[in-house]
């Protein structure tokens, strides 16, 4: 980190929390989001794998309503 950057960071850290949060979000938004090639390829491979399972009828996927119902049931305290 360069000296001017360190000085800027010191000033930024002295800001109130909301200003730091807004500044941090603005800085993150200014940086292009890059997905590494291997990560992107892994997502493509997973999507293809899932599509093949669905086409073959071998998937055990749930529709959204069913999945949410099971999730809610698992989060309820026992006996309710």
Protein backbone atom coordinates (compact mmCIF):
# COMPACT_ATOMS: atom_id res chain seq x y z
CA UNK A 1 0.00 0.00 0.00
CA UNK A 2 1.43 3.37 -0.96
CA UNK A 3 1.94 6.15 1.56
CA UNK A 4 -0.92 8.30 0.17
CA UNK A 5 -3.21 5.27 0.30
CA UNK A 6 -2.26 4.57 3.92
CA UNK A 7 -2.99 8.19 4.82
CA UNK A 8 -6.34 8.02 3.03
CA UNK A 9 -7.18 4.82 4.90
CA UNK A 10 -6.36 6.44 8.24
CA UNK A 11 -8.72 9.32 7.43
CA UNK A 12 -11.42 6.95 6.21
CA UNK A 13 -11.21 4.84 9.38
CA UNK A 14 -11.78 7.97 11.45
CA UNK A 15 -15.13 8.61 9.73
CA UNK A 16 -18.45 7.73 11.41
CA UNK A 17 -19.64 4.18 10.79
CA UNK A 18 -22.31 5.11 8.23
CA UNK A 19 -19.84 7.17 6.20
CA UNK A 20 -17.31 4.30 6.30
CA UNK A 21 -19.99 1.88 5.14
CA UNK A 22 -21.05 4.16 2.28
CA UNK A 23 -17.45 4.77 1.27
CA UNK A 24 -16.67 1.05 1.37
CA UNK A 25 -19.70 0.20 -0.77
CA UNK A 26 -18.79 2.92 -3.27
CA UNK A 27 -15.23 1.62 -3.49
CA UNK A 28 -16.38 -1.98 -3.97
CA UNK A 29 -18.85 -0.90 -6.65
CA UNK A 30 -16.02 0.82 -8.50
CA UNK A 31 -14.04 -2.41 -8.88
CA UNK A 32 -15.12 -4.71 -11.73
CA UNK A 33 -16.23 -8.09 -10.47
CA UNK A 34 -14.27 -10.83 -12.17
CA UNK A 35 -15.06 -14.47 -11.82
CA UNK A 36 -11.97 -16.61 -12.24
CA UNK A 37 -12.22 -18.85 -15.29
CA UNK A 38 -12.10 -22.04 -13.24
CA UNK A 39 -14.97 -20.86 -11.03
CA UNK A 40 -17.09 -19.89 -14.00
CA UNK A 41 -16.38 -23.24 -15.65
CA UNK A 42 -17.32 -25.06 -12.44
CA UNK A 43 -20.73 -23.30 -12.46
CA UNK A 44 -21.26 -24.23 -16.12
CA UNK A 45 -20.33 -27.85 -15.41
CA UNK A 46 -22.69 -27.99 -12.43
CA UNK A 47 -25.57 -26.52 -14.45
CA UNK A 48 -25.00 -29.10 -17.18
CA UNK A 49 -24.83 -31.92 -14.63
CA UNK A 50 -28.12 -30.84 -13.08
CA UNK A 51 -29.79 -30.43 -16.48
CA UNK A 52 -28.71 -33.95 -17.44
CA UNK A 53 -30.16 -35.35 -14.20
CA UNK A 54 -33.46 -33.60 -14.83
CA UNK A 55 -33.64 -34.81 -18.43
CA UNK A 56 -32.88 -38.36 -17.33
CA UNK A 57 -35.50 -38.17 -14.58
CA UNK A 58 -32.86 -38.97 -11.96
CA UNK A 59 -33.02 -35.74 -10.03
CA UNK A 60 -34.45 -35.41 -6.56
CA UNK A 61 -35.18 -31.70 -6.85
CA UNK A 62 -38.06 -30.04 -5.08
CA UNK A 63 -40.25 -27.26 -6.30
CA UNK A 64 -39.85 -23.98 -4.43
CA UNK A 65 -42.97 -24.33 -2.27
CA UNK A 66 -41.97 -27.83 -1.18
CA UNK A 67 -38.39 -26.80 -0.45
CA UNK A 68 -39.50 -23.80 1.63
CA UNK A 69 -42.01 -25.90 3.57
CA UNK A 70 -39.29 -28.43 4.45
CA UNK A 71 -36.89 -25.66 5.43
CA UNK A 72 -39.46 -23.97 7.67
CA UNK A 73 -40.32 -27.30 9.29
CA UNK A 74 -36.65 -27.99 10.02
CA UNK A 75 -36.27 -24.59 11.67
CA UNK A 76 -39.29 -24.94 13.98
CA UNK A 77 -38.56 -25.89 17.56
CA UNK A 78 -39.44 -29.50 18.41
CA UNK A 79 -43.02 -30.00 19.58
CA UNK A 80 -44.57 -27.16 17.60
